[in-house]
Amino acid sequence: MYTQELFGIRLFDYEEVQTWDEGTHYINTTFHLEELQKYNGFPIEVDQEWNIKIWSVDGKQVNVFCIIDIEEFKSTLLKRIN
């Protein structure tokens, strides 16, 4: 299991990674942010601007968001800065 971080904040663990032109795909993810734990086990795609696409196991997009817009991430980042 590997861990993906941004600014020292642990975002998710994953078992496998695949790099594609549009972003990086992570397989079998487990989120550390409580707000995103409903997506544990889903494949995800992360682009260079930290937009995250959540995919179902049958290849349908479930959700898309920017990690910066997640309240739990923002508040954790602000605590580290201050």
Protein backbone atom coordinates (compact mmCIF):
# COMPACT_ATOMS: atom_id res chain seq x y z
CA MET A 1 0.00 0.00 0.00
CA TYR A 2 1.30 3.46 -0.95
CA THR A 3 0.22 6.91 0.28
CA GLN A 4 -0.47 10.04 -1.78
CA GLU A 5 0.06 13.39 -0.05
CA LEU A 6 -0.33 17.05 -0.99
CA PHE A 7 1.43 19.74 1.08
CA GLY A 8 2.17 17.09 3.69
CA ILE A 9 -1.51 16.17 4.10
CA ARG A 10 -2.24 12.48 3.63
CA LEU A 11 -5.00 12.19 1.04
CA PHE A 12 -5.35 8.51 0.22
CA ASP A 13 -3.65 5.14 0.14
CA TYR A 14 -3.62 3.04 -3.02
CA GLU A 15 -2.43 -0.34 -4.23
CA GLU A 16 -1.68 0.35 -7.89
CA VAL A 17 -1.02 3.38 -10.08
CA GLN A 18 -1.22 3.90 -13.84
CA THR A 19 -0.04 7.08 -15.57
CA TRP A 20 -2.09 8.24 -18.57
CA ASP A 21 -1.99 11.38 -20.72
CA GLU A 22 -4.91 13.03 -18.92
CA GLY A 23 -3.91 12.11 -15.37
CA THR A 24 -2.82 9.43 -12.98
CA HIS A 25 -5.15 6.54 -12.15
CA TYR A 26 -5.07 5.02 -8.68
CA ILE A 27 -6.61 1.62 -8.00
CA ASN A 28 -8.18 0.43 -4.72
CA THR A 29 -7.96 3.74 -2.87
CA THR A 30 -8.63 4.41 0.81
CA PHE A 31 -9.15 8.08 1.67
CA HIS A 32 -7.79 9.66 4.84
CA LEU A 33 -10.16 12.64 4.63
CA GLU A 34 -13.39 11.64 6.34
CA GLU A 35 -15.46 13.60 3.84
CA LEU A 36 -14.18 11.38 1.00
CA GLN A 37 -14.26 7.97 2.70
CA LYS A 38 -17.54 7.16 0.94
CA TYR A 39 -15.34 6.63 -2.15
CA ASN A 40 -13.02 4.07 -0.52
CA GLY A 41 -12.31 1.21 -2.92
CA PHE A 42 -13.22 3.20 -6.03
CA PRO A 43 -10.70 3.79 -8.84
CA ILE A 44 -9.81 7.48 -9.10
CA GLU A 45 -8.07 9.72 -11.61
CA VAL A 46 -6.05 12.78 -10.53
CA ASP A 47 -4.93 15.42 -13.02
CA GLN A 48 -2.09 17.94 -12.70
CA GLU A 49 -4.37 20.55 -11.11
CA TRP A 50 -5.59 18.10 -8.44
CA ASN A 51 -9.01 17.60 -9.98
CA ILE A 52 -10.15 14.16 -8.89
CA LYS A 53 -12.53 11.95 -10.86
CA ILE A 54 -14.15 9.06 -9.03
CA TRP A 55 -15.00 6.07 -11.24
CA SER A 56 -17.27 3.11 -10.61
CA VAL A 57 -15.91 -0.39 -11.16
CA ASP A 58 -17.86 -0.55 -14.44
CA GLY A 59 -16.15 2.60 -15.77
CA LYS A 60 -18.82 5.24 -15.16
CA GLN A 61 -17.85 8.57 -13.64
CA VAL A 62 -19.37 8.91 -10.16
CA ASN A 63 -18.09 12.36 -9.15
CA VAL A 64 -15.50 14.99 -9.99
CA PHE A 65 -14.08 17.69 -7.72
CA CYS A 66 -10.93 19.64 -6.97
CA ILE A 67 -9.17 18.63 -3.74
CA ILE A 68 -8.74 22.31 -2.87
CA ASP A 69 -12.55 22.62 -2.69
CA ILE A 70 -12.87 19.91 -0.02
CA GLU A 71 -13.52 21.69 3.27
CA GLU A 72 -11.62 19.19 5.41
CA PHE A 73 -8.53 19.59 3.20
CA LYS A 74 -8.75 23.41 3.28
CA SER A 75 -9.09 23.58 7.06
CA THR A 76 -6.19 21.14 7.59
CA LEU A 77 -4.00 23.15 5.22
CA LEU A 78 -4.86 26.44 6.94
CA LYS A 79 -4.01 24.97 10.36
CA ARG A 80 -0.58 23.97 9.03
CA ILE A 81 0.06 27.43 7.58
CA ASN A 82 -0.95 29.39 10.69
